[in-house]
Amino acid sequence: MVTKILPVKTKRKSLSQKQRALEILSRLQRLYPDATCSLTYSTPVQLLVATILSAQCTDERVNKVTPALFSRFPDAASLGNADLTELENLVRSTGFYRNKAKNIQAACRMIVTEFDSVVPNQMEQLLKLPGVARKTANVVLAHAYGINAGVTVDTHVKRLSQRLGLTKHPDPIRIEKDLMGLLPQPDWENWSIRLIYHGRAVCKARSPVCIACELAELCPSAKEPMVAG
């Protein structure tokens, strides 16, 4: 007996795209009721910095770096005035450390000079900060200020939203727009956080565990085991 993984063609629920998105959201909320931002931070500026560092780096790695970083430079003023070489050394293991350190310092200087040392709570203002695109801005607004201004699209959200048939676009901005049209605004960040958890645990990049996935019957990309003799 050989177990093969073949595409499922018969079990998909006959739901509209929006109905599927809402059902997926409901299941994700049940699966990961305590899901929250996995970055460690104490203040909005620390969340901003941690999110910048998380680009092309795991949250686990960032959380190993930030205790020493924030102990040495706890706020926007100290980060803005930090010796750049020291800052680079502190964030080196997160990858692309020179560019990240440069952006962190420039963003913190702008926060001090233009925003009275307070991380802004508006999307347009956040996007003015060096190194800050919509992904980072969405994380900061949602978790520091409780504002759902958009859907955070990281690599997990991009991959799973495409696999689930909720977007066909490769561009994060277009993906975000599609998801914002399918999901209730209060749940925009809930979707992202829980989809990230699911991407790490089940719907992995190279080997999704479709047989154990509670979203499989809603997923056009899902596969199931079929026994062949």
N, C-alpha and C. Protein backbone atom coordinates (compact mmCIF):
# COMPACT_ATOMS: atom_id res chain seq x y z
N MET A 1 0.84 -1.21 0.00
CA MET A 1 0.00 0.00 0.00
C MET A 1 0.87 1.25 0.00
N VAL A 2 0.50 2.17 -0.84
CA VAL A 2 1.25 3.42 -0.93
C VAL A 2 0.28 4.57 -0.71
N THR A 3 0.63 5.45 0.20
CA THR A 3 -0.20 6.63 0.45
C THR A 3 0.28 7.78 -0.40
N LYS A 4 -0.58 8.29 -1.23
CA LYS A 4 -0.23 9.42 -2.08
C LYS A 4 -1.00 10.66 -1.63
N ILE A 5 -0.38 11.80 -1.85
CA ILE A 5 -1.08 13.05 -1.55
C ILE A 5 -1.59 13.62 -2.86
N LEU A 6 -2.90 13.64 -3.01
CA LEU A 6 -3.51 14.09 -4.26
C LEU A 6 -4.44 15.26 -4.00
N PRO A 7 -4.66 16.11 -5.00
CA PRO A 7 -5.55 17.25 -4.81
C PRO A 7 -6.97 16.81 -4.47
N VAL A 8 -7.60 17.55 -3.56
CA VAL A 8 -9.00 17.30 -3.24
C VAL A 8 -9.87 18.05 -4.24
N LYS A 9 -10.82 17.36 -4.84
CA LYS A 9 -11.66 18.01 -5.84
C LYS A 9 -13.13 17.98 -5.46
N THR A 10 -13.46 17.24 -4.40
CA THR A 10 -14.88 17.00 -4.13
C THR A 10 -15.40 17.57 -2.83
N LYS A 11 -14.53 18.03 -1.95
CA LYS A 11 -14.99 18.40 -0.61
C LYS A 11 -15.08 19.90 -0.39
N ARG A 12 -14.80 20.72 -1.37
CA ARG A 12 -14.83 22.16 -1.16
C ARG A 12 -16.25 22.65 -0.90
N LYS A 13 -16.41 23.43 0.11
CA LYS A 13 -17.73 24.00 0.39
C LYS A 13 -18.10 25.02 -0.67
N SER A 14 -19.36 25.04 -1.05
CA SER A 14 -19.83 25.99 -2.05
C SER A 14 -20.16 27.33 -1.39
N LEU A 15 -19.12 28.09 -1.15
CA LEU A 15 -19.27 29.39 -0.51
C LEU A 15 -18.65 30.45 -1.39
N SER A 16 -19.13 31.67 -1.24
CA SER A 16 -18.49 32.78 -1.94
C SER A 16 -17.12 33.04 -1.31
N GLN A 17 -16.31 33.80 -2.00
CA GLN A 17 -14.98 34.11 -1.48
C GLN A 17 -15.07 34.80 -0.12
N LYS A 18 -16.01 35.73 0.02
CA LYS A 18 -16.15 36.44 1.29
C LYS A 18 -16.64 35.50 2.39
N GLN A 19 -17.59 34.63 2.05
CA GLN A 19 -18.08 33.67 3.05
C GLN A 19 -16.96 32.74 3.50
N ARG A 20 -16.13 32.32 2.56
CA ARG A 20 -15.00 31.46 2.93
C ARG A 20 -14.03 32.20 3.84
N ALA A 21 -13.75 33.47 3.51
CA ALA A 21 -12.83 34.26 4.34
C ALA A 21 -13.35 34.38 5.76
N LEU A 22 -14.64 34.61 5.92
CA LEU A 22 -15.22 34.75 7.25
C LEU A 22 -15.21 33.42 8.01
N GLU A 23 -15.46 32.33 7.30
CA GLU A 23 -15.41 31.02 7.94
C GLU A 23 -13.98 30.66 8.34
N ILE A 24 -13.02 30.99 7.49
CA ILE A 24 -11.62 30.76 7.82
C ILE A 24 -11.23 31.57 9.05
N LEU A 25 -11.65 32.83 9.09
CA LEU A 25 -11.37 33.68 10.25
C LEU A 25 -11.94 33.07 11.52
N SER A 26 -13.17 32.58 11.44
CA SER A 26 -13.81 31.98 12.61
C SER A 26 -13.02 30.77 13.10
N ARG A 27 -12.57 29.96 12.17
CA ARG A 27 -11.80 28.77 12.56
C ARG A 27 -10.44 29.15 13.13
N LEU A 28 -9.82 30.14 12.55
CA LEU A 28 -8.52 30.58 13.07
C LEU A 28 -8.66 31.12 14.49
N GLN A 29 -9.75 31.84 14.76
CA GLN A 29 -9.98 32.37 16.10
C GLN A 29 -10.17 31.24 17.11
N ARG A 30 -10.82 30.18 16.66
CA ARG A 30 -11.00 29.02 17.55
C ARG A 30 -9.69 28.27 17.75
N LEU A 31 -8.90 28.16 16.70
CA LEU A 31 -7.65 27.41 16.77
C LEU A 31 -6.59 28.13 17.60
N TYR A 32 -6.56 29.47 17.48
CA TYR A 32 -5.51 30.25 18.14
C TYR A 32 -6.13 31.39 18.95
N PRO A 33 -6.87 31.05 20.00
CA PRO A 33 -7.61 32.07 20.75
C PRO A 33 -6.72 33.08 21.46
N ASP A 34 -5.52 32.69 21.79
CA ASP A 34 -4.63 33.57 22.55
C ASP A 34 -3.52 34.18 21.69
N ALA A 35 -3.66 34.08 20.38
CA ALA A 35 -2.62 34.60 19.48
C ALA A 35 -2.45 36.10 19.64
N THR A 36 -1.21 36.53 19.69
CA THR A 36 -0.91 37.95 19.78
C THR A 36 0.44 38.21 19.14
N CYS A 37 0.82 39.45 19.06
CA CYS A 37 2.12 39.80 18.49
C CYS A 37 3.22 39.10 19.28
N SER A 38 4.11 38.42 18.58
CA SER A 38 5.14 37.64 19.28
C SER A 38 6.43 38.41 19.51
N LEU A 39 6.48 39.66 19.09
CA LEU A 39 7.64 40.51 19.37
C LEU A 39 7.58 41.02 20.80
N THR A 40 8.74 41.12 21.44
CA THR A 40 8.82 41.61 22.81
C THR A 40 9.14 43.10 22.81
N TYR A 41 8.30 43.89 23.51
CA TYR A 41 8.48 45.34 23.54
C TYR A 41 7.74 45.92 24.74
N SER A 42 8.10 47.13 25.11
CA SER A 42 7.44 47.81 26.22
C SER A 42 6.76 49.11 25.80
N THR A 43 7.21 49.70 24.72
CA THR A 43 6.69 51.00 24.29
C THR A 43 6.47 50.99 22.78
N PRO A 44 5.69 51.95 22.25
CA PRO A 44 5.49 52.01 20.81
C PRO A 44 6.78 52.10 20.01
N VAL A 45 7.76 52.87 20.50
CA VAL A 45 9.01 52.98 19.73
C VAL A 45 9.76 51.66 19.74
N GLN A 46 9.70 50.92 20.83
CA GLN A 46 10.34 49.61 20.86
C GLN A 46 9.64 48.63 19.91
N LEU A 47 8.33 48.70 19.82
CA LEU A 47 7.60 47.87 18.86
C LEU A 47 7.99 48.24 17.44
N LEU A 48 8.07 49.53 17.17
CA LEU A 48 8.48 50.00 15.84
C LEU A 48 9.85 49.44 15.47
N VAL A 49 10.80 49.56 16.38
CA VAL A 49 12.16 49.08 16.12
C VAL A 49 12.18 47.57 15.94
N ALA A 50 11.48 46.85 16.80
CA ALA A 50 11.44 45.39 16.70
C ALA A 50 10.83 44.94 15.37
N THR A 51 9.82 45.66 14.92
CA THR A 51 9.18 45.30 13.65
C THR A 51 10.10 45.58 12.47
N ILE A 52 10.83 46.67 12.52
CA ILE A 52 11.82 46.95 11.47
C ILE A 52 12.86 45.83 11.44
N LEU A 53 13.29 45.39 12.61
CA LEU A 53 14.29 44.33 12.68
C LEU A 53 13.75 42.99 12.19
N SER A 54 12.44 42.80 12.25
CA SER A 54 11.85 41.50 11.90
C SER A 54 11.79 41.27 10.40
N ALA A 55 12.09 42.28 9.60
CA ALA A 55 12.08 42.10 8.14
C ALA A 55 13.12 41.05 7.75
N GLN A 56 12.66 40.02 7.06
CA GLN A 56 13.54 38.92 6.62
C GLN A 56 14.32 38.31 7.79
N CYS A 57 13.64 38.25 8.93
CA CYS A 57 14.23 37.67 10.13
C CYS A 57 13.09 37.14 10.99
N THR A 58 13.34 36.11 11.76
CA THR A 58 12.29 35.54 12.61
C THR A 58 12.07 36.40 13.86
N ASP A 59 10.86 36.38 14.37
CA ASP A 59 10.57 37.09 15.61
C ASP A 59 11.40 36.52 16.76
N GLU A 60 11.64 35.22 16.72
CA GLU A 60 12.44 34.59 17.76
C GLU A 60 13.85 35.19 17.81
N ARG A 61 14.44 35.38 16.66
CA ARG A 61 15.77 35.98 16.60
C ARG A 61 15.73 37.43 17.07
N VAL A 62 14.73 38.18 16.64
CA VAL A 62 14.60 39.58 17.06
C VAL A 62 14.49 39.67 18.58
N ASN A 63 13.72 38.77 19.17
CA ASN A 63 13.53 38.79 20.63
C ASN A 63 14.80 38.45 21.40
N LYS A 64 15.75 37.82 20.74
CA LYS A 64 17.04 37.56 21.37
C LYS A 64 17.95 38.79 21.32
N VAL A 65 17.67 39.67 20.36
CA VAL A 65 18.50 40.86 20.15
C VAL A 65 18.01 42.06 20.95
N THR A 66 16.71 42.23 21.04
CA THR A 66 16.16 43.46 21.59
C THR A 66 16.39 43.70 23.08
N PRO A 67 16.49 42.67 23.94
CA PRO A 67 16.76 42.99 25.35
C PRO A 67 18.02 43.83 25.54
N ALA A 68 19.12 43.43 24.92
CA ALA A 68 20.36 44.20 25.04
C ALA A 68 20.24 45.55 24.34
N LEU A 69 19.57 45.56 23.19
CA LEU A 69 19.39 46.80 22.44
C LEU A 69 18.60 47.83 23.24
N PHE A 70 17.47 47.40 23.82
CA PHE A 70 16.62 48.35 24.53
C PHE A 70 17.16 48.68 25.92
N SER A 71 17.98 47.82 26.46
CA SER A 71 18.65 48.15 27.71
C SER A 71 19.65 49.29 27.49
N ARG A 72 20.31 49.24 26.36
CA ARG A 72 21.31 50.26 26.03
C ARG A 72 20.65 51.52 25.47
N PHE A 73 19.64 51.35 24.63
CA PHE A 73 18.97 52.48 23.98
C PHE A 73 17.45 52.29 24.12
N PRO A 74 16.84 52.74 25.21
CA PRO A 74 15.44 52.41 25.50
C PRO A 74 14.39 53.26 24.79
N ASP A 75 14.80 54.41 24.23
CA ASP A 75 13.79 55.31 23.67
C ASP A 75 14.28 55.94 22.38
N ALA A 76 13.40 56.76 21.78
CA ALA A 76 13.72 57.34 20.48
C ALA A 76 14.93 58.27 20.55
N ALA A 77 15.05 59.04 21.62
CA ALA A 77 16.16 59.98 21.74
C ALA A 77 17.49 59.24 21.81
N SER A 78 17.57 58.20 22.62
CA SER A 78 18.83 57.46 22.75
C SER A 78 19.16 56.69 21.49
N LEU A 79 18.17 56.14 20.84
CA LEU A 79 18.40 55.43 19.58
C LEU A 79 18.86 56.40 18.49
N GLY A 80 18.25 57.58 18.47
CA GLY A 80 18.62 58.58 17.47
C GLY A 80 20.03 59.10 17.65
N ASN A 81 20.49 59.11 18.88
CA ASN A 81 21.83 59.63 19.19
C ASN A 81 22.88 58.53 19.34
N ALA A 82 22.50 57.29 19.10
CA ALA A 82 23.42 56.18 19.30
C ALA A 82 24.58 56.23 18.31
N ASP A 83 25.70 55.69 18.74
CA ASP A 83 26.81 55.48 17.81
C ASP A 83 26.37 54.43 16.80
N LEU A 84 26.45 54.76 15.52
CA LEU A 84 25.90 53.88 14.49
C LEU A 84 26.60 52.52 14.47
N THR A 85 27.89 52.51 14.67
CA THR A 85 28.61 51.24 14.68
C THR A 85 28.16 50.35 15.82
N GLU A 86 27.96 50.94 16.99
CA GLU A 86 27.46 50.16 18.12
C GLU A 86 26.06 49.64 17.84
N LEU A 87 25.24 50.47 17.25
CA LEU A 87 23.87 50.05 16.92
C LEU A 87 23.90 48.90 15.91
N GLU A 88 24.76 49.00 14.91
CA GLU A 88 24.90 47.93 13.93
C GLU A 88 25.30 46.62 14.59
N ASN A 89 26.25 46.70 15.51
CA ASN A 89 26.72 45.49 16.19
C ASN A 89 25.63 44.84 17.03
N LEU A 90 24.78 45.66 17.63
CA LEU A 90 23.72 45.13 18.47
C LEU A 90 22.64 44.40 17.65
N VAL A 91 22.43 44.83 16.41
CA VAL A 91 21.37 44.23 15.59
C VAL A 91 21.93 43.34 14.48
N ARG A 92 23.22 43.09 14.50
CA ARG A 92 23.90 42.38 13.41
C ARG A 92 23.24 41.04 13.07
N SER A 93 22.85 40.28 14.07
CA SER A 93 22.36 38.92 13.82
C SER A 93 20.98 38.88 13.18
N THR A 94 20.31 40.03 13.04
CA THR A 94 18.99 40.03 12.40
C THR A 94 19.10 40.11 10.88
N GLY A 95 20.31 40.29 10.36
CA GLY A 95 20.49 40.38 8.92
C GLY A 95 20.25 41.78 8.40
N PHE A 96 20.92 42.11 7.29
CA PHE A 96 20.79 43.44 6.68
C PHE A 96 20.95 44.54 7.74
N TYR A 97 21.87 44.29 8.66
CA TYR A 97 21.97 45.09 9.87
C TYR A 97 22.38 46.53 9.61
N ARG A 98 23.18 46.78 8.59
CA ARG A 98 23.59 48.16 8.32
C ARG A 98 22.39 49.01 7.90
N ASN A 99 21.59 48.48 7.00
CA ASN A 99 20.43 49.22 6.54
C ASN A 99 19.39 49.37 7.65
N LYS A 100 19.21 48.31 8.43
CA LYS A 100 18.25 48.38 9.54
C LYS A 100 18.69 49.40 10.58
N ALA A 101 19.97 49.38 10.95
CA ALA A 101 20.47 50.33 11.95
C ALA A 101 20.32 51.77 11.45
N LYS A 102 20.64 51.97 10.19
CA LYS A 102 20.53 53.31 9.59
C LYS A 102 19.08 53.79 9.63
N ASN A 103 18.14 52.93 9.25
CA ASN A 103 16.73 53.31 9.24
C ASN A 103 16.19 53.54 10.64
N ILE A 104 16.58 52.68 11.58
CA ILE A 104 16.13 52.84 12.97
C ILE A 104 16.59 54.19 13.52
N GLN A 105 17.84 54.52 13.30
CA GLN A 105 18.36 55.78 13.80
C GLN A 105 17.67 56.98 13.15
N ALA A 106 17.51 56.92 11.83
CA ALA A 106 16.87 58.03 11.11
C ALA A 106 15.41 58.18 11.52
N ALA A 107 14.71 57.04 11.68
CA ALA A 107 13.30 57.09 12.09
C ALA A 107 13.16 57.69 13.49
N CYS A 108 14.05 57.28 14.39
CA CYS A 108 13.98 57.79 15.76
C CYS A 108 14.31 59.28 15.83
N ARG A 109 15.24 59.71 15.02
CA ARG A 109 15.53 61.14 14.97
C ARG A 109 14.33 61.94 14.47
N MET A 110 13.62 61.40 13.48
CA MET A 110 12.44 62.08 12.97
C MET A 110 11.33 62.08 14.02
N ILE A 111 11.20 60.97 14.76
CA ILE A 111 10.18 60.92 15.82
C ILE A 111 10.45 62.01 16.86
N VAL A 112 11.71 62.22 17.19
CA VAL A 112 12.08 63.24 18.17
C VAL A 112 11.83 64.64 17.63
N THR A 113 12.29 64.90 16.41
CA THR A 113 12.25 66.27 15.88
C THR A 113 10.89 66.68 15.33
N GLU A 114 10.16 65.73 14.75
CA GLU A 114 8.91 66.08 14.08
C GLU A 114 7.66 65.66 14.83
N PHE A 115 7.80 64.70 15.76
CA PHE A 115 6.62 64.18 16.45
C PHE A 115 6.76 64.24 17.97
N ASP A 116 7.61 65.13 18.43
CA ASP A 116 7.75 65.38 19.87
C ASP A 116 8.06 64.12 20.65
N SER A 117 8.89 63.27 20.07
CA SER A 117 9.36 62.02 20.69
C SER A 117 8.27 60.97 20.88
N VAL A 118 7.14 61.13 20.19
CA VAL A 118 6.05 60.17 20.29
C VAL A 118 5.84 59.51 18.92
N VAL A 119 5.82 58.19 18.90
CA VAL A 119 5.55 57.48 17.65
C VAL A 119 4.15 57.87 17.16
N PRO A 120 4.03 58.36 15.94
CA PRO A 120 2.71 58.81 15.46
C PRO A 120 1.71 57.66 15.37
N ASN A 121 0.43 58.02 15.49
CA ASN A 121 -0.63 57.00 15.44
C ASN A 121 -1.50 57.16 14.20
N GLN A 122 -0.92 57.70 13.14
CA GLN A 122 -1.61 57.83 11.87
C GLN A 122 -0.76 57.20 10.77
N MET A 123 -1.41 56.47 9.88
CA MET A 123 -0.70 55.77 8.82
C MET A 123 0.17 56.71 7.99
N GLU A 124 -0.38 57.83 7.57
CA GLU A 124 0.36 58.75 6.71
C GLU A 124 1.65 59.24 7.37
N GLN A 125 1.58 59.50 8.66
CA GLN A 125 2.76 59.97 9.38
C GLN A 125 3.79 58.86 9.57
N LEU A 126 3.31 57.67 9.88
CA LEU A 126 4.23 56.54 10.06
C LEU A 126 4.99 56.23 8.78
N LEU A 127 4.32 56.35 7.66
CA LEU A 127 4.96 56.02 6.38
C LEU A 127 6.03 57.04 5.99
N LYS A 128 6.09 58.15 6.68
CA LYS A 128 7.15 59.13 6.44
C LYS A 128 8.47 58.70 7.09
N LEU A 129 8.38 57.80 8.06
CA LEU A 129 9.57 57.39 8.80
C LEU A 129 10.45 56.47 7.95
N PRO A 130 11.74 56.68 7.92
CA PRO A 130 12.64 55.80 7.17
C PRO A 130 12.50 54.34 7.60
N GLY A 131 12.45 53.44 6.63
CA GLY A 131 12.36 52.02 6.92
C GLY A 131 10.98 51.53 7.27
N VAL A 132 9.97 52.41 7.20
CA VAL A 132 8.61 52.01 7.58
C VAL A 132 7.72 51.96 6.34
N ALA A 133 7.25 50.76 6.02
CA ALA A 133 6.23 50.57 4.98
C ALA A 133 4.93 50.14 5.66
N ARG A 134 3.93 49.77 4.88
CA ARG A 134 2.62 49.50 5.46
C ARG A 134 2.63 48.33 6.44
N LYS A 135 3.45 47.32 6.19
CA LYS A 135 3.50 46.19 7.11
C LYS A 135 3.88 46.65 8.52
N THR A 136 4.97 47.39 8.62
CA THR A 136 5.42 47.89 9.92
C THR A 136 4.40 48.83 10.53
N ALA A 137 3.87 49.73 9.71
CA ALA A 137 2.88 50.70 10.20
C ALA A 137 1.64 50.01 10.74
N ASN A 138 1.17 48.98 10.03
CA ASN A 138 -0.02 48.25 10.48
C ASN A 138 0.22 47.58 11.83
N VAL A 139 1.40 46.99 12.00
CA VAL A 139 1.72 46.33 13.27
C VAL A 139 1.73 47.34 14.41
N VAL A 140 2.39 48.47 14.20
CA VAL A 140 2.49 49.49 15.25
C VAL A 140 1.11 50.05 15.60
N LEU A 141 0.33 50.37 14.60
CA LEU A 141 -0.99 50.94 14.86
C LEU A 141 -1.88 49.95 15.60
N ALA A 142 -1.84 48.68 15.19
CA ALA A 142 -2.73 47.69 15.79
C ALA A 142 -2.33 47.35 17.22
N HIS A 143 -1.04 47.16 17.45
CA HIS A 143 -0.61 46.63 18.75
C HIS A 143 -0.19 47.71 19.74
N ALA A 144 0.21 48.86 19.24
CA ALA A 144 0.57 49.94 20.16
C ALA A 144 -0.62 50.86 20.44
N TYR A 145 -1.54 50.98 19.45
CA TYR A 145 -2.62 51.95 19.59
C TYR A 145 -4.02 51.36 19.42
N GLY A 146 -4.11 50.07 19.09
CA GLY A 146 -5.43 49.46 18.92
C GLY A 146 -6.18 49.96 17.72
N ILE A 147 -5.45 50.37 16.67
CA ILE A 147 -6.07 50.92 15.46
C ILE A 147 -5.88 49.93 14.32
N ASN A 148 -6.98 49.45 13.74
CA ASN A 148 -6.92 48.57 12.58
C ASN A 148 -7.00 49.41 11.31
N ALA A 149 -5.84 49.84 10.83
CA ALA A 149 -5.79 50.68 9.64
C ALA A 149 -5.62 49.87 8.37
N GLY A 150 -5.24 48.61 8.50
CA GLY A 150 -5.04 47.75 7.34
C GLY A 150 -4.73 46.34 7.79
N VAL A 151 -4.40 45.49 6.84
CA VAL A 151 -4.06 44.09 7.12
C VAL A 151 -2.55 43.94 6.97
N THR A 152 -1.91 43.47 8.01
CA THR A 152 -0.47 43.23 7.95
C THR A 152 -0.18 42.05 7.03
N VAL A 153 0.62 42.27 6.01
CA VAL A 153 0.95 41.22 5.05
C VAL A 153 2.43 40.90 5.15
N ASP A 154 2.74 39.81 5.85
CA ASP A 154 4.12 39.32 5.89
C ASP A 154 4.20 38.09 4.98
N THR A 155 5.29 37.35 5.04
CA THR A 155 5.45 36.21 4.14
C THR A 155 4.40 35.13 4.39
N HIS A 156 4.04 34.90 5.66
CA HIS A 156 3.03 33.89 5.97
C HIS A 156 1.66 34.31 5.45
N VAL A 157 1.28 35.55 5.71
CA VAL A 157 -0.03 36.04 5.28
C VAL A 157 -0.12 36.02 3.76
N LYS A 158 0.94 36.41 3.10
CA LYS A 158 0.97 36.38 1.63
C LYS A 158 0.79 34.96 1.12
N ARG A 159 1.57 34.03 1.64
CA ARG A 159 1.53 32.65 1.16
C ARG A 159 0.17 32.00 1.42
N LEU A 160 -0.34 32.13 2.64
CA LEU A 160 -1.59 31.47 2.98
C LEU A 160 -2.79 32.11 2.30
N SER A 161 -2.80 33.42 2.16
CA SER A 161 -3.92 34.08 1.50
C SER A 161 -4.00 33.67 0.03
N GLN A 162 -2.85 33.46 -0.58
CA GLN A 162 -2.82 32.98 -1.96
C GLN A 162 -3.28 31.52 -2.03
N ARG A 163 -2.77 30.69 -1.15
CA ARG A 163 -3.17 29.28 -1.15
C ARG A 163 -4.66 29.11 -0.88
N LEU A 164 -5.20 29.97 -0.03
CA LEU A 164 -6.62 29.89 0.32
C LEU A 164 -7.52 30.47 -0.76
N GLY A 165 -6.91 31.00 -1.82
CA GLY A 165 -7.69 31.52 -2.93
C GLY A 165 -8.36 32.85 -2.66
N LEU A 166 -7.80 33.62 -1.73
CA LEU A 166 -8.40 34.91 -1.37
C LEU A 166 -7.73 36.07 -2.10
N THR A 167 -6.67 35.80 -2.81
CA THR A 167 -6.01 36.80 -3.65
C THR A 167 -5.17 36.07 -4.69
N LYS A 168 -4.98 36.71 -5.82
CA LYS A 168 -4.13 36.16 -6.87
C LYS A 168 -2.88 37.02 -7.06
N HIS A 169 -2.78 38.08 -6.28
CA HIS A 169 -1.71 39.05 -6.50
C HIS A 169 -0.43 38.68 -5.73
N PRO A 170 0.72 38.97 -6.29
CA PRO A 170 1.99 38.76 -5.58
C PRO A 170 2.41 39.97 -4.75
N ASP A 171 1.84 41.14 -5.07
CA ASP A 171 2.25 42.38 -4.42
C ASP A 171 1.53 42.55 -3.08
N PRO A 172 2.26 42.78 -1.98
CA PRO A 172 1.63 42.91 -0.66
C PRO A 172 0.55 43.99 -0.60
N ILE A 173 0.73 45.08 -1.31
CA ILE A 173 -0.28 46.16 -1.29
C ILE A 173 -1.59 45.68 -1.90
N ARG A 174 -1.49 44.96 -3.02
CA ARG A 174 -2.70 44.44 -3.66
C ARG A 174 -3.34 43.34 -2.81
N ILE A 175 -2.50 42.50 -2.19
CA ILE A 175 -3.02 41.47 -1.29
C ILE A 175 -3.78 42.11 -0.13
N GLU A 176 -3.18 43.13 0.46
CA GLU A 176 -3.82 43.82 1.57
C GLU A 176 -5.17 44.39 1.15
N LYS A 177 -5.22 44.99 -0.01
CA LYS A 177 -6.49 45.57 -0.51
C LYS A 177 -7.55 44.49 -0.68
N ASP A 178 -7.16 43.34 -1.23
CA ASP A 178 -8.12 42.24 -1.39
C ASP A 178 -8.65 41.77 -0.04
N LEU A 179 -7.76 41.61 0.92
CA LEU A 179 -8.17 41.11 2.24
C LEU A 179 -9.04 42.11 2.98
N MET A 180 -8.72 43.39 2.83
CA MET A 180 -9.53 44.43 3.48
C MET A 180 -10.96 44.42 2.96
N GLY A 181 -11.13 44.00 1.70
CA GLY A 181 -12.47 43.92 1.13
C GLY A 181 -13.25 42.69 1.54
N LEU A 182 -12.55 41.70 2.10
CA LEU A 182 -13.19 40.43 2.48
C LEU A 182 -13.46 40.31 3.97
N LEU A 183 -12.71 41.04 4.78
CA LEU A 183 -12.76 40.86 6.23
C LEU A 183 -13.29 42.09 6.94
N PRO A 184 -13.97 41.93 8.08
CA PRO A 184 -14.43 43.07 8.86
C PRO A 184 -13.23 43.84 9.42
N GLN A 185 -13.29 45.15 9.40
CA GLN A 185 -12.15 45.96 9.85
C GLN A 185 -11.69 45.61 11.26
N PRO A 186 -12.58 45.38 12.23
CA PRO A 186 -12.09 45.05 13.58
C PRO A 186 -11.23 43.79 13.63
N ASP A 187 -11.32 42.95 12.60
CA ASP A 187 -10.59 41.68 12.59
C ASP A 187 -9.39 41.68 11.65
N TRP A 188 -9.04 42.82 11.10
CA TRP A 188 -7.93 42.85 10.15
C TRP A 188 -6.64 42.33 10.78
N GLU A 189 -6.30 42.81 11.97
CA GLU A 189 -5.06 42.35 12.60
C GLU A 189 -5.23 40.96 13.20
N ASN A 190 -6.44 40.63 13.66
CA ASN A 190 -6.69 39.27 14.14
C ASN A 190 -6.41 38.25 13.04
N TRP A 191 -6.82 38.58 11.83
CA TRP A 191 -6.57 37.70 10.68
C TRP A 191 -5.07 37.48 10.50
N SER A 192 -4.33 38.56 10.47
CA SER A 192 -2.89 38.46 10.22
C SER A 192 -2.18 37.64 11.28
N ILE A 193 -2.43 37.96 12.54
CA ILE A 193 -1.74 37.27 13.63
C ILE A 193 -2.05 35.78 13.61
N ARG A 194 -3.30 35.42 13.45
CA ARG A 194 -3.68 34.02 13.48
C ARG A 194 -3.23 33.27 12.23
N LEU A 195 -3.22 33.94 11.10
CA LEU A 195 -2.72 33.30 9.89
C LEU A 195 -1.21 33.06 10.00
N ILE A 196 -0.51 33.97 10.65
CA ILE A 196 0.92 33.78 10.89
C ILE A 196 1.15 32.54 11.77
N TYR A 197 0.36 32.40 12.83
CA TYR A 197 0.47 31.23 13.69
C TYR A 197 0.22 29.95 12.88
N HIS A 198 -0.80 29.99 12.03
CA HIS A 198 -1.15 28.80 11.24
C HIS A 198 -0.06 28.50 10.21
N GLY A 199 0.53 29.54 9.66
CA GLY A 199 1.61 29.34 8.70
C GLY A 199 2.83 28.71 9.33
N ARG A 200 3.11 29.08 10.56
CA ARG A 200 4.25 28.49 11.26
C ARG A 200 3.99 27.05 11.67
N ALA A 201 2.75 26.76 12.08
CA ALA A 201 2.45 25.46 12.67
C ALA A 201 2.01 24.41 11.65
N VAL A 202 1.25 24.82 10.63
CA VAL A 202 0.61 23.85 9.74
C VAL A 202 0.90 24.11 8.27
N CYS A 203 0.55 25.30 7.80
CA CYS A 203 0.65 25.59 6.36
C CYS A 203 2.04 26.16 6.05
N LYS A 204 3.03 25.30 6.18
CA LYS A 204 4.42 25.71 6.02
C LYS A 204 4.76 25.92 4.54
N ALA A 205 5.81 26.68 4.31
CA ALA A 205 6.15 27.06 2.94
C ALA A 205 6.43 25.86 2.06
N ARG A 206 7.27 24.96 2.53
CA ARG A 206 7.71 23.85 1.68
C ARG A 206 6.89 22.58 1.87
N SER A 207 6.34 22.39 3.04
CA SER A 207 5.63 21.13 3.30
C SER A 207 4.38 21.38 4.13
N PRO A 208 3.34 21.95 3.53
CA PRO A 208 2.10 22.17 4.28
C PRO A 208 1.49 20.85 4.71
N VAL A 209 1.02 20.82 5.96
CA VAL A 209 0.46 19.58 6.52
C VAL A 209 -1.05 19.59 6.29
N CYS A 210 -1.45 19.41 5.05
CA CYS A 210 -2.87 19.53 4.70
C CYS A 210 -3.73 18.50 5.43
N ILE A 211 -3.18 17.32 5.68
CA ILE A 211 -3.96 16.26 6.32
C ILE A 211 -4.38 16.66 7.73
N ALA A 212 -3.63 17.57 8.37
CA ALA A 212 -3.94 17.98 9.73
C ALA A 212 -4.55 19.38 9.79
N CYS A 213 -4.85 19.95 8.63
CA CYS A 213 -5.30 21.34 8.58
C CYS A 213 -6.81 21.45 8.69
N GLU A 214 -7.28 22.23 9.65
CA GLU A 214 -8.72 22.40 9.85
C GLU A 214 -9.32 23.40 8.86
N LEU A 215 -8.49 23.95 7.98
CA LEU A 215 -8.98 24.83 6.93
C LEU A 215 -9.06 24.12 5.59
N ALA A 216 -8.69 22.84 5.55
CA ALA A 216 -8.50 22.13 4.28
C ALA A 216 -9.74 22.14 3.39
N GLU A 217 -10.92 21.93 4.00
CA GLU A 217 -12.12 21.86 3.17
C GLU A 217 -12.51 23.22 2.59
N LEU A 218 -11.88 24.28 3.09
CA LEU A 218 -12.13 25.63 2.58
C LEU A 218 -11.02 26.11 1.66
N CYS A 219 -10.03 25.27 1.46
CA CYS A 219 -8.82 25.69 0.75
C CYS A 219 -8.70 25.02 -0.61
N PRO A 220 -8.69 25.80 -1.68
CA PRO A 220 -8.57 25.21 -3.03
C PRO A 220 -7.21 24.60 -3.30
N SER A 221 -6.23 24.89 -2.46
CA SER A 221 -4.89 24.33 -2.65
C SER A 221 -4.64 23.10 -1.79
N ALA A 222 -5.60 22.75 -0.94
CA ALA A 222 -5.38 21.66 0.01
C ALA A 222 -5.31 20.32 -0.69
N LYS A 223 -4.56 19.42 -0.06
CA LYS A 223 -4.44 18.05 -0.56
C LYS A 223 -4.79 17.10 0.56
N GLU A 224 -5.20 15.90 0.20
CA GLU A 224 -5.53 14.90 1.21
C GLU A 224 -4.91 13.57 0.81
N PRO A 225 -4.68 12.71 1.80
CA PRO A 225 -4.10 11.43 1.46
C PRO A 225 -5.12 10.51 0.81
N MET A 226 -4.71 9.86 -0.25
CA MET A 226 -5.57 8.86 -0.88
C MET A 226 -4.74 7.58 -1.01
N VAL A 227 -5.34 6.48 -0.66
CA VAL A 227 -4.61 5.22 -0.67
C VAL A 227 -4.70 4.57 -2.03
N ALA A 228 -3.55 4.25 -2.58
CA ALA A 228 -3.50 3.58 -3.88
C ALA A 228 -2.78 2.24 -3.72
N GLY A 229 -3.28 1.22 -4.38
CA GLY A 229 -2.66 -0.07 -4.28
C GLY A 229 -1.53 -0.25 -5.29
